[in-house]
Amino acid sequence: MRILSWNIQWGRGADGRVDLERTAAAIRAAGAFDVICLQEVAANFPGLPGGAREDEPDFFARAFPGHAAVFGAGVDVPDGEGGRAFFGNLVLSSLPVGQVFRHLLPAPADPGLPSMQRTCVEVVVQASWGALRVMTTHLEYYSELQRQAQVQALWALQAGLAAQARLPEKRSEREANATFAAWPRPAAALLCGDFNCEPGSSEHQRMQAAAAVDGVPVWLDAWKVAHPGAAHAPSVGVHGAEWPGRAYCCDFFFVSPELAPRVRAVRVLGGTAASDHQPVVLELG
């Protein structure tokens, strides 16, 4: 199973030009993917540098036929012309998709700093070995307070589901309404995206903290699973975009402990300049 995660900066390359065809071509050049997770995806959003209010979820759904498209907007605001403008995360899956969840992440007040509403899109997909949850997110850049709260929320979400998975299954025939039907939502999960923090930061460490119930880490950094002792390859600052001024890693894959034995490879694709971030690829076996 191959998964790609990429902050595409609404299709804006290191040259400042928005070119969605270039973005799609870079994904195709990296090979076939079962799941594609994109961050900073816009729809009808005025004022984005280089943009022309493209409907990007629709573009990528058409660019990758055979993939179900699931979009989650963190920002949903008037476009100034009677319509709506959206900005968020997109999941494209060629695997069967079950339940879908769109989690709005916390944003505690942090006066004096700009911020936007952040979200995490979660889809349950059916891999060859069984169901797993694929989650993608983009955490706050300016406010450490908000970023810490968002990390805690993503940690707690996984910790709660892992604990729930250990409980004996209960079936009830009391509720006939189809909306109460049980759908798979396993503990096995991966979480990817732009976390706006660096390896070894307090946020990075907090994400991998152990649950009090059993002392097992809730999330594991997949790079460290695949490359023990090796420094993370940089995912930003590679091709001279206006941001940032240095190369480092802030784009990660985290996996739940039961998925760790399936991690075969984690790679940062450094060759493309189609965004200010580089794509990251996870391979599971």
C-alpha atoms as a PDB file:
ATOM      1  CA  MET A   1       0.000   0.000   0.000  1.00  0.00           C
ATOM      2  CA  ARG A   2       1.409   3.392  -1.039  1.00  0.00           C
ATOM      3  CA  ILE A   3       0.275   6.695   0.461  1.00  0.00           C
ATOM      4  CA  LEU A   4       1.400  10.188  -0.533  1.00  0.00           C
ATOM      5  CA  SER A   5       1.097  13.261   1.704  1.00  0.00           C
ATOM      6  CA  TRP A   6       1.757  16.747   0.331  1.00  0.00           C
ATOM      7  CA  ASN A   7       1.080  20.339   1.312  1.00  0.00           C
ATOM      8  CA  ILE A   8       0.486  21.658  -2.205  1.00  0.00           C
ATOM      9  CA  GLN A   9       0.136  25.374  -1.254  1.00  0.00           C
ATOM     10  CA  TRP A  10      -3.033  25.533  -3.447  1.00  0.00           C
ATOM     11  CA  GLY A  11      -0.851  24.493  -6.418  1.00  0.00           C
ATOM     12  CA  ARG A  12       1.620  27.347  -6.033  1.00  0.00           C
ATOM     13  CA  GLY A  13       5.177  26.355  -6.833  1.00  0.00           C
ATOM     14  CA  ALA A  14       8.493  27.694  -5.594  1.00  0.00           C
ATOM     15  CA  ASP A  15       8.344  30.055  -8.591  1.00  0.00           C
ATOM     16  CA  GLY A  16       5.162  31.676  -7.210  1.00  0.00           C
ATOM     17  CA  ARG A  17       2.997  30.363 -10.041  1.00  0.00           C
ATOM     18  CA  VAL A  18      -0.178  28.323  -9.465  1.00  0.00           C
ATOM     19  CA  ASP A  19      -0.267  25.366 -11.840  1.00  0.00           C
ATOM     20  CA  LEU A  20      -2.509  22.481 -10.803  1.00  0.00           C
ATOM     21  CA  GLU A  21      -1.535  20.441 -13.852  1.00  0.00           C
ATOM     22  CA  ARG A  22       2.075  20.625 -12.693  1.00  0.00           C
ATOM     23  CA  THR A  23       1.031  19.447  -9.221  1.00  0.00           C
ATOM     24  CA  ALA A  24      -0.909  16.500 -10.628  1.00  0.00           C
ATOM     25  CA  ALA A  25       1.962  15.606 -12.970  1.00  0.00           C
ATOM     26  CA  ALA A  26       4.399  15.535 -10.036  1.00  0.00           C
ATOM     27  CA  ILE A  27       2.121  13.095  -8.206  1.00  0.00           C
ATOM     28  CA  ARG A  28       1.784  10.855 -11.254  1.00  0.00           C
ATOM     29  CA  ALA A  29       5.552  10.909 -11.805  1.00  0.00           C
ATOM     30  CA  ALA A  30       6.007   9.442  -8.319  1.00  0.00           C
ATOM     31  CA  GLY A  31       4.048   6.346  -9.263  1.00  0.00           C
ATOM     32  CA  ALA A  32       0.666   4.873  -8.394  1.00  0.00           C
ATOM     33  CA  PHE A  33      -0.829   5.575  -4.984  1.00  0.00           C
ATOM     34  CA  ASP A  34      -3.642   3.889  -3.132  1.00  0.00           C
ATOM     35  CA  VAL A  35      -4.297   7.045  -1.109  1.00  0.00           C
ATOM     36  CA  ILE A  36      -3.275  10.657  -1.812  1.00  0.00           C
ATOM     37  CA  CYS A  37      -3.523  13.168   1.047  1.00  0.00           C
ATOM     38  CA  LEU A  38      -3.242  16.851   0.139  1.00  0.00           C
ATOM     39  CA  GLN A  39      -3.155  19.877   2.407  1.00  0.00           C
ATOM     40  CA  GLU A  40      -3.805  23.549   1.569  1.00  0.00           C
ATOM     41  CA  VAL A  41      -6.442  22.731  -1.017  1.00  0.00           C
ATOM     42  CA  ALA A  42      -8.687  25.666  -1.999  1.00  0.00           C
ATOM     43  CA  ALA A  43     -12.062  26.070  -3.676  1.00  0.00           C
ATOM     44  CA  ASN A  44     -13.303  29.430  -4.957  1.00  0.00           C
ATOM     45  CA  PHE A  45     -10.984  31.270  -2.580  1.00  0.00           C
ATOM     46  CA  PRO A  46     -10.226  34.875  -3.593  1.00  0.00           C
ATOM     47  CA  GLY A  47      -6.937  36.559  -2.758  1.00  0.00           C
ATOM     48  CA  LEU A  48      -4.624  33.545  -2.696  1.00  0.00           C
ATOM     49  CA  PRO A  49      -1.324  34.604  -4.344  1.00  0.00           C
ATOM     50  CA  GLY A  50      -1.240  33.364  -7.925  1.00  0.00           C
ATOM     51  CA  GLY A  51      -4.659  31.759  -7.641  1.00  0.00           C
ATOM     52  CA  ALA A  52      -7.728  32.290  -9.792  1.00  0.00           C
ATOM     53  CA  ARG A  53     -10.393  30.850  -7.468  1.00  0.00           C
ATOM     54  CA  GLU A  54      -9.873  27.338  -8.815  1.00  0.00           C
ATOM     55  CA  ASP A  55     -12.126  24.502  -7.616  1.00  0.00           C
ATOM     56  CA  GLU A  56      -9.219  22.325  -6.566  1.00  0.00           C
ATOM     57  CA  PRO A  57     -11.134  19.394  -5.000  1.00  0.00           C
ATOM     58  CA  ASP A  58     -13.003  19.025  -8.290  1.00  0.00           C
ATOM     59  CA  PHE A  59      -9.785  19.334 -10.313  1.00  0.00           C
ATOM     60  CA  PHE A  60      -7.998  16.581  -8.396  1.00  0.00           C
ATOM     61  CA  ALA A  61     -11.060  14.318  -8.394  1.00  0.00           C
ATOM     62  CA  ARG A  62     -11.041  14.534 -12.195  1.00  0.00           C
ATOM     63  CA  ALA A  63      -7.240  14.287 -12.436  1.00  0.00           C
ATOM     64  CA  PHE A  64      -7.230  10.976 -10.529  1.00  0.00           C
ATOM     65  CA  PRO A  65     -10.206   8.965 -11.784  1.00  0.00           C
ATOM     66  CA  GLY A  66     -10.830   5.813  -9.848  1.00  0.00           C
ATOM     67  CA  HIS A  67     -10.130   7.645  -6.597  1.00  0.00           C
ATOM     68  CA  ALA A  68     -12.955   8.653  -4.256  1.00  0.00           C
ATOM     69  CA  ALA A  69     -12.488  12.287  -3.206  1.00  0.00           C
ATOM     70  CA  VAL A  70     -13.144  13.401   0.380  1.00  0.00           C
ATOM     71  CA  PHE A  71     -12.644  17.104   1.152  1.00  0.00           C
ATOM     72  CA  GLY A  72     -12.695  18.723   4.564  1.00  0.00           C
ATOM     73  CA  ALA A  73     -12.696  22.516   4.812  1.00  0.00           C
ATOM     74  CA  GLY A  74     -11.273  24.118   7.907  1.00  0.00           C
ATOM     75  CA  VAL A  75     -12.016  27.558   6.480  1.00  0.00           C
ATOM     76  CA  ASP A  76     -15.548  28.032   5.099  1.00  0.00           C
ATOM     77  CA  VAL A  77     -16.316  31.729   4.556  1.00  0.00           C
ATOM     78  CA  PRO A  78     -18.263  34.009   2.191  1.00  0.00           C
ATOM     79  CA  ASP A  79     -16.449  34.667  -1.081  1.00  0.00           C
ATOM     80  CA  GLY A  80     -17.678  38.275  -1.267  1.00  0.00           C
ATOM     81  CA  GLU A  81     -19.887  37.569  -4.266  1.00  0.00           C
ATOM     82  CA  GLY A  82     -22.730  35.580  -2.738  1.00  0.00           C
ATOM     83  CA  GLY A  83     -20.942  32.242  -2.708  1.00  0.00           C
ATOM     84  CA  ARG A  84     -18.633  30.355  -0.362  1.00  0.00           C
ATOM     85  CA  ALA A  85     -14.851  29.990  -0.239  1.00  0.00           C
ATOM     86  CA  PHE A  86     -13.184  26.871   1.172  1.00  0.00           C
ATOM     87  CA  PHE A  87      -9.675  25.926   2.314  1.00  0.00           C
ATOM     88  CA  GLY A  88      -8.668  22.596   3.813  1.00  0.00           C
ATOM     89  CA  ASN A  89      -7.503  19.026   3.236  1.00  0.00           C
ATOM     90  CA  LEU A  90      -8.325  16.494   0.543  1.00  0.00           C
ATOM     91  CA  VAL A  91      -8.090  12.692   0.548  1.00  0.00           C
ATOM     92  CA  LEU A  92      -8.187  10.707  -2.699  1.00  0.00           C
ATOM     93  CA  SER A  93      -8.547   6.937  -2.247  1.00  0.00           C
ATOM     94  CA  SER A  94      -8.576   4.135  -4.793  1.00  0.00           C
ATOM     95  CA  LEU A  95      -9.355   1.760  -1.913  1.00  0.00           C
ATOM     96  CA  PRO A  96     -12.961   1.275  -0.805  1.00  0.00           C
ATOM     97  CA  VAL A  97     -13.987   4.055   1.603  1.00  0.00           C
ATOM     98  CA  GLY A  98     -16.213   3.373   4.586  1.00  0.00           C
ATOM     99  CA  GLN A  99     -16.907   5.940   7.294  1.00  0.00           C
ATOM    100  CA  VAL A 100     -15.666   9.501   6.898  1.00  0.00           C
ATOM    101  CA  PHE A 101     -15.036  11.992   9.702  1.00  0.00           C
ATOM    102  CA  ARG A 102     -14.126  15.673   9.547  1.00  0.00           C
ATOM    103  CA  HIS A 103     -12.641  16.840  12.832  1.00  0.00           C
ATOM    104  CA  LEU A 104     -12.422  20.558  13.595  1.00  0.00           C
ATOM    105  CA  LEU A 105      -9.326  21.022  15.749  1.00  0.00           C
ATOM    106  CA  PRO A 106      -9.182  23.302  18.796  1.00  0.00           C
ATOM    107  CA  ALA A 107      -8.011  26.890  18.469  1.00  0.00           C
ATOM    108  CA  PRO A 108      -7.698  28.455  21.933  1.00  0.00           C
ATOM    109  CA  ALA A 109      -7.434  32.244  21.962  1.00  0.00           C
ATOM    110  CA  ASP A 110      -3.889  33.487  21.406  1.00  0.00           C
ATOM    111  CA  PRO A 111      -4.179  37.293  21.104  1.00  0.00           C
ATOM    112  CA  GLY A 112      -2.023  39.138  18.607  1.00  0.00           C
ATOM    113  CA  LEU A 113      -1.291  36.156  16.352  1.00  0.00           C
ATOM    114  CA  PRO A 114      -2.984  35.354  13.046  1.00  0.00           C
ATOM    115  CA  SER A 115      -4.499  31.893  12.763  1.00  0.00           C
ATOM    116  CA  MET A 116      -7.082  29.900  10.839  1.00  0.00           C
ATOM    117  CA  GLN A 117      -9.433  27.084  11.751  1.00  0.00           C
ATOM    118  CA  ARG A 118      -7.661  23.758  11.290  1.00  0.00           C
ATOM    119  CA  THR A 119      -9.185  20.399  10.496  1.00  0.00           C
ATOM    120  CA  CYS A 120      -8.338  16.714  10.199  1.00  0.00           C
ATOM    121  CA  VAL A 121      -9.992  14.505   7.592  1.00  0.00           C
ATOM    122  CA  GLU A 122     -10.360  10.846   8.549  1.00  0.00           C
ATOM    123  CA  VAL A 123     -11.429   8.092   6.162  1.00  0.00           C
ATOM    124  CA  VAL A 124     -11.731   4.386   6.883  1.00  0.00           C
ATOM    125  CA  VAL A 125     -10.332   2.443   3.927  1.00  0.00           C
ATOM    126  CA  GLN A 126     -10.154  -1.252   3.176  1.00  0.00           C
ATOM    127  CA  ALA A 127      -6.577  -2.404   2.625  1.00  0.00           C
ATOM    128  CA  SER A 128      -5.683  -5.917   1.496  1.00  0.00           C
ATOM    129  CA  TRP A 129      -5.129  -6.987   5.112  1.00  0.00           C
ATOM    130  CA  GLY A 130      -8.175  -5.222   6.591  1.00  0.00           C
ATOM    131  CA  ALA A 131      -9.629  -1.870   7.517  1.00  0.00           C
ATOM    132  CA  LEU A 132      -7.513   1.046   8.657  1.00  0.00           C
ATOM    133  CA  ARG A 133      -8.056   4.728   9.254  1.00  0.00           C
ATOM    134  CA  VAL A 134      -6.216   7.296   7.135  1.00  0.00           C
ATOM    135  CA  MET A 135      -6.075  10.784   8.624  1.00  0.00           C
ATOM    136  CA  THR A 136      -4.578  13.964   7.223  1.00  0.00           C
ATOM    137  CA  THR A 137      -4.162  17.375   8.811  1.00  0.00           C
ATOM    138  CA  HIS A 138      -2.423  20.741   8.705  1.00  0.00           C
ATOM    139  CA  LEU A 139      -1.671  22.311  12.071  1.00  0.00           C
ATOM    140  CA  GLU A 140      -1.411  25.974  13.038  1.00  0.00           C
ATOM    141  CA  TYR A 141       1.741  27.799  11.956  1.00  0.00           C
ATOM    142  CA  TYR A 142       1.856  31.019  13.997  1.00  0.00           C
ATOM    143  CA  SER A 143       0.425  30.003  17.370  1.00  0.00           C
ATOM    144  CA  GLU A 144       2.318  27.411  19.381  1.00  0.00           C
ATOM    145  CA  LEU A 145      -0.519  27.441  21.923  1.00  0.00           C
ATOM    146  CA  GLN A 146      -3.006  26.377  19.275  1.00  0.00           C
ATOM    147  CA  ARG A 147      -0.624  23.884  17.695  1.00  0.00           C
ATOM    148  CA  GLN A 148      -0.061  22.224  21.081  1.00  0.00           C
ATOM    149  CA  ALA A 149      -3.821  21.989  21.621  1.00  0.00           C
ATOM    150  CA  GLN A 150      -4.266  20.450  18.170  1.00  0.00           C
ATOM    151  CA  VAL A 151      -1.546  17.870  18.809  1.00  0.00           C
ATOM    152  CA  GLN A 152      -3.220  16.972  22.090  1.00  0.00           C
ATOM    153  CA  ALA A 153      -6.578  16.569  20.344  1.00  0.00           C
ATOM    154  CA  LEU A 154      -5.136  14.238  17.686  1.00  0.00           C
ATOM    155  CA  TRP A 155      -3.306  12.251  20.361  1.00  0.00           C
ATOM    156  CA  ALA A 156      -6.450  11.960  22.501  1.00  0.00           C
ATOM    157  CA  LEU A 157      -8.574  10.923  19.521  1.00  0.00           C
ATOM    158  CA  GLN A 158      -6.283   8.001  18.764  1.00  0.00           C
ATOM    159  CA  ALA A 159      -5.814   7.088  22.437  1.00  0.00           C
ATOM    160  CA  GLY A 160      -9.581   6.923  22.881  1.00  0.00           C
ATOM    161  CA  LEU A 161     -10.151   4.772  19.813  1.00  0.00           C
ATOM    162  CA  ALA A 162      -7.327   2.406  20.779  1.00  0.00           C
ATOM    163  CA  ALA A 163      -8.892   1.957  24.223  1.00  0.00           C
ATOM    164  CA  GLN A 164     -12.323   1.443  22.698  1.00  0.00           C
ATOM    165  CA  ALA A 165     -10.983  -1.238  20.354  1.00  0.00           C
ATOM    166  CA  ARG A 166      -9.912  -3.297  23.380  1.00  0.00           C
ATOM    167  CA  LEU A 167     -13.484  -3.494  24.707  1.00  0.00           C
ATOM    168  CA  PRO A 168     -15.622  -6.518  23.848  1.00  0.00           C
ATOM    169  CA  GLU A 169     -17.892  -5.891  20.875  1.00  0.00           C
ATOM    170  CA  LYS A 170     -21.497  -5.158  21.795  1.00  0.00           C
ATOM    171  CA  ARG A 171     -24.352  -5.609  19.354  1.00  0.00           C
ATOM    172  CA  SER A 172     -27.812  -4.260  19.891  1.00  0.00           C
ATOM    173  CA  GLU A 173     -30.965  -4.922  17.913  1.00  0.00           C
ATOM    174  CA  ARG A 174     -32.954  -2.258  19.767  1.00  0.00           C
ATOM    175  CA  GLU A 175     -32.394   0.550  17.235  1.00  0.00           C
ATOM    176  CA  ALA A 176     -33.703  -0.171  13.737  1.00  0.00           C
ATOM    177  CA  ASN A 177     -32.813   3.256  12.304  1.00  0.00           C
ATOM    178  CA  ALA A 178     -30.109   2.744   9.659  1.00  0.00           C
ATOM    179  CA  THR A 179     -28.197   5.791  10.901  1.00  0.00           C
ATOM    180  CA  PHE A 180     -27.257   3.738  13.984  1.00  0.00           C
ATOM    181  CA  ALA A 181     -25.725   0.925  11.924  1.00  0.00           C
ATOM    182  CA  ALA A 182     -22.257  -0.129  13.058  1.00  0.00           C
ATOM    183  CA  TRP A 183     -19.400   0.583  10.636  1.00  0.00           C
ATOM    184  CA  PRO A 184     -15.771  -0.489  11.080  1.00  0.00           C
ATOM    185  CA  ARG A 185     -13.553   2.070  12.765  1.00  0.00           C
ATOM    186  CA  PRO A 186     -10.390   0.192  13.754  1.00  0.00           C
ATOM    187  CA  ALA A 187      -7.578   1.324  16.017  1.00  0.00           C
ATOM    188  CA  ALA A 188      -5.089   0.756  13.188  1.00  0.00           C
ATOM    189  CA  ALA A 189      -4.408   4.179  11.732  1.00  0.00           C
ATOM    190  CA  LEU A 190      -1.969   6.492  10.039  1.00  0.00           C
ATOM    191  CA  LEU A 191      -1.862  10.267  10.391  1.00  0.00           C
ATOM    192  CA  CYS A 192      -0.045  12.483   7.908  1.00  0.00           C
ATOM    193  CA  GLY A 193       0.320  16.099   6.934  1.00  0.00           C
ATOM    194  CA  ASP A 194       2.024  19.382   7.702  1.00  0.00           C
ATOM    195  CA  PHE A 195       2.461  19.626  11.472  1.00  0.00           C
ATOM    196  CA  ASN A 196       4.360  22.933  11.437  1.00  0.00           C
ATOM    197  CA  CYS A 197       6.838  21.631  14.002  1.00  0.00           C
ATOM    198  CA  GLU A 198      10.268  20.046  13.741  1.00  0.00           C
ATOM    199  CA  PRO A 199      11.621  16.633  14.761  1.00  0.00           C
ATOM    200  CA  GLY A 200      12.350  16.622  18.473  1.00  0.00           C
ATOM    201  CA  SER A 201      10.085  19.583  19.224  1.00  0.00           C
ATOM    202  CA  SER A 202       7.687  19.385  22.149  1.00  0.00           C
ATOM    203  CA  GLU A 203       4.792  18.862  19.718  1.00  0.00           C
ATOM    204  CA  HIS A 204       6.623  16.048  17.923  1.00  0.00           C
ATOM    205  CA  GLN A 205       7.417  14.376  21.240  1.00  0.00           C
ATOM    206  CA  ARG A 206       3.894  14.868  22.605  1.00  0.00           C
ATOM    207  CA  MET A 207       2.389  13.156  19.575  1.00  0.00           C
ATOM    208  CA  GLN A 208       4.394  10.032  20.406  1.00  0.00           C
ATOM    209  CA  ALA A 209       3.598  10.006  24.124  1.00  0.00           C
ATOM    210  CA  ALA A 210       2.443   6.748  25.668  1.00  0.00           C
ATOM    211  CA  ALA A 211      -1.091   6.165  26.870  1.00  0.00           C
ATOM    212  CA  ALA A 212      -1.423   5.933  30.659  1.00  0.00           C
ATOM    213  CA  VAL A 213      -3.572   2.840  30.386  1.00  0.00           C
ATOM    214  CA  ASP A 214      -0.941   0.514  28.948  1.00  0.00           C
ATOM    215  CA  GLY A 215       2.252   2.550  28.513  1.00  0.00           C
ATOM    216  CA  VAL A 216       2.251   2.017  24.733  1.00  0.00           C
ATOM    217  CA  PRO A 217       2.895   5.019  22.460  1.00  0.00           C
ATOM    218  CA  VAL A 218      -0.268   6.241  20.779  1.00  0.00           C
ATOM    219  CA  TRP A 219       1.555   7.296  17.580  1.00  0.00           C
ATOM    220  CA  LEU A 220       4.967   6.369  16.196  1.00  0.00           C
ATOM    221  CA  ASP A 221       6.917   8.537  13.763  1.00  0.00           C
ATOM    222  CA  ALA A 222       7.044   6.335  10.646  1.00  0.00           C
ATOM    223  CA  TRP A 223      10.342   7.915   9.539  1.00  0.00           C
ATOM    224  CA  LYS A 224      11.980   6.707  12.758  1.00  0.00           C
ATOM    225  CA  VAL A 225      10.483   3.253  12.232  1.00  0.00           C
ATOM    226  CA  ALA A 226      11.908   3.060   8.707  1.00  0.00           C
ATOM    227  CA  HIS A 227      15.177   4.931   9.385  1.00  0.00           C
ATOM    228  CA  PRO A 228      16.245   4.286  12.987  1.00  0.00           C
ATOM    229  CA  GLY A 229      18.817   6.834  14.127  1.00  0.00           C
ATOM    230  CA  ALA A 230      18.757   8.824  10.862  1.00  0.00           C
ATOM    231  CA  ALA A 231      17.833  12.490  10.715  1.00  0.00           C
ATOM    232  CA  HIS A 232      14.577  13.365   8.951  1.00  0.00           C
ATOM    233  CA  ALA A 233      15.057  14.461   5.362  1.00  0.00           C
ATOM    234  CA  PRO A 234      13.965  18.096   4.885  1.00  0.00           C
ATOM    235  CA  SER A 235      10.444  18.630   3.555  1.00  0.00           C
ATOM    236  CA  VAL A 236      10.593  22.445   3.229  1.00  0.00           C
ATOM    237  CA  GLY A 237      13.246  24.963   2.228  1.00  0.00           C
ATOM    238  CA  VAL A 238      14.559  22.774  -0.586  1.00  0.00           C
ATOM    239  CA  HIS A 239      13.963  24.751  -3.797  1.00  0.00           C
ATOM    240  CA  GLY A 240      14.316  28.410  -2.863  1.00  0.00           C
ATOM    241  CA  ALA A 241      10.657  29.346  -2.357  1.00  0.00           C
ATOM    242  CA  GLU A 242       9.998  32.626  -0.559  1.00  0.00           C
ATOM    243  CA  TRP A 243       9.398  30.572   2.600  1.00  0.00           C
ATOM    244  CA  PRO A 244      11.223  29.261   4.609  1.00  0.00           C
ATOM    245  CA  GLY A 245      14.787  30.506   4.791  1.00  0.00           C
ATOM    246  CA  ARG A 246      16.310  27.121   5.649  1.00  0.00           C
ATOM    247  CA  ALA A 247      15.719  23.447   5.007  1.00  0.00           C
ATOM    248  CA  TYR A 248      14.048  21.302   7.668  1.00  0.00           C
ATOM    249  CA  CYS A 249      11.291  18.734   8.158  1.00  0.00           C
ATOM    250  CA  CYS A 250       7.757  19.573   9.276  1.00  0.00           C
ATOM    251  CA  ASP A 251       5.775  17.018   7.242  1.00  0.00           C
ATOM    252  CA  PHE A 252       5.338  13.652   8.938  1.00  0.00           C
ATOM    253  CA  PHE A 253       3.661  10.276   8.815  1.00  0.00           C
ATOM    254  CA  PHE A 254       2.646   8.838  12.168  1.00  0.00           C
ATOM    255  CA  VAL A 255       1.393   5.258  12.501  1.00  0.00           C
ATOM    256  CA  SER A 256      -0.368   3.433  15.297  1.00  0.00           C
ATOM    257  CA  PRO A 257       1.791   0.713  16.919  1.00  0.00           C
ATOM    258  CA  GLU A 258      -0.051  -2.149  15.194  1.00  0.00           C
ATOM    259  CA  LEU A 259       0.863  -0.666  11.798  1.00  0.00           C
ATOM    260  CA  ALA A 260       4.558  -0.222  12.615  1.00  0.00           C
ATOM    261  CA  PRO A 261       5.556  -3.765  11.485  1.00  0.00           C
ATOM    262  CA  ARG A 262       4.017  -2.966   8.086  1.00  0.00           C
ATOM    263  CA  VAL A 263       6.172   0.118   7.459  1.00  0.00           C
ATOM    264  CA  ARG A 264       8.395  -0.699   4.483  1.00  0.00           C
ATOM    265  CA  ALA A 265       9.622   2.751   3.441  1.00  0.00           C
ATOM    266  CA  VAL A 266       9.233   6.472   4.111  1.00  0.00           C
ATOM    267  CA  ARG A 267      10.689   8.879   1.551  1.00  0.00           C
ATOM    268  CA  VAL A 268      10.683  12.615   0.964  1.00  0.00           C
ATOM    269  CA  LEU A 269      10.520  13.349  -2.759  1.00  0.00           C
ATOM    270  CA  GLY A 270      12.997  16.188  -3.141  1.00  0.00           C
ATOM    271  CA  GLY A 271      12.906  16.582  -6.901  1.00  0.00           C
ATOM    272  CA  THR A 272       9.768  18.661  -7.431  1.00  0.00           C
ATOM    273  CA  ALA A 273       9.461  22.441  -6.979  1.00  0.00           C
ATOM    274  CA  ALA A 274       5.666  22.430  -7.498  1.00  0.00           C
ATOM    275  CA  SER A 275       5.089  23.625  -3.916  1.00  0.00           C
ATOM    276  CA  ASP A 276       7.032  25.142  -1.031  1.00  0.00           C
ATOM    277  CA  HIS A 277       6.765  21.681   0.578  1.00  0.00           C
ATOM    278  CA  GLN A 278       7.955  18.318  -0.720  1.00  0.00           C
ATOM    279  CA  PRO A 279       5.741  15.251  -1.041  1.00  0.00           C
ATOM    280  CA  VAL A 280       6.287  12.473   1.493  1.00  0.00           C
ATOM    281  CA  VAL A 281       5.567   8.827   0.646  1.00  0.00           C
ATOM    282  CA  LEU A 282       4.782   5.963   3.012  1.00  0.00           C
ATOM    283  CA  GLU A 283       4.800   2.332   1.870  1.00  0.00           C
ATOM    284  CA  LEU A 284       3.082  -0.340   3.952  1.00  0.00           C
ATOM    285  CA  GLY A 285       3.312  -4.064   3.369  1.00  0.00           C
END
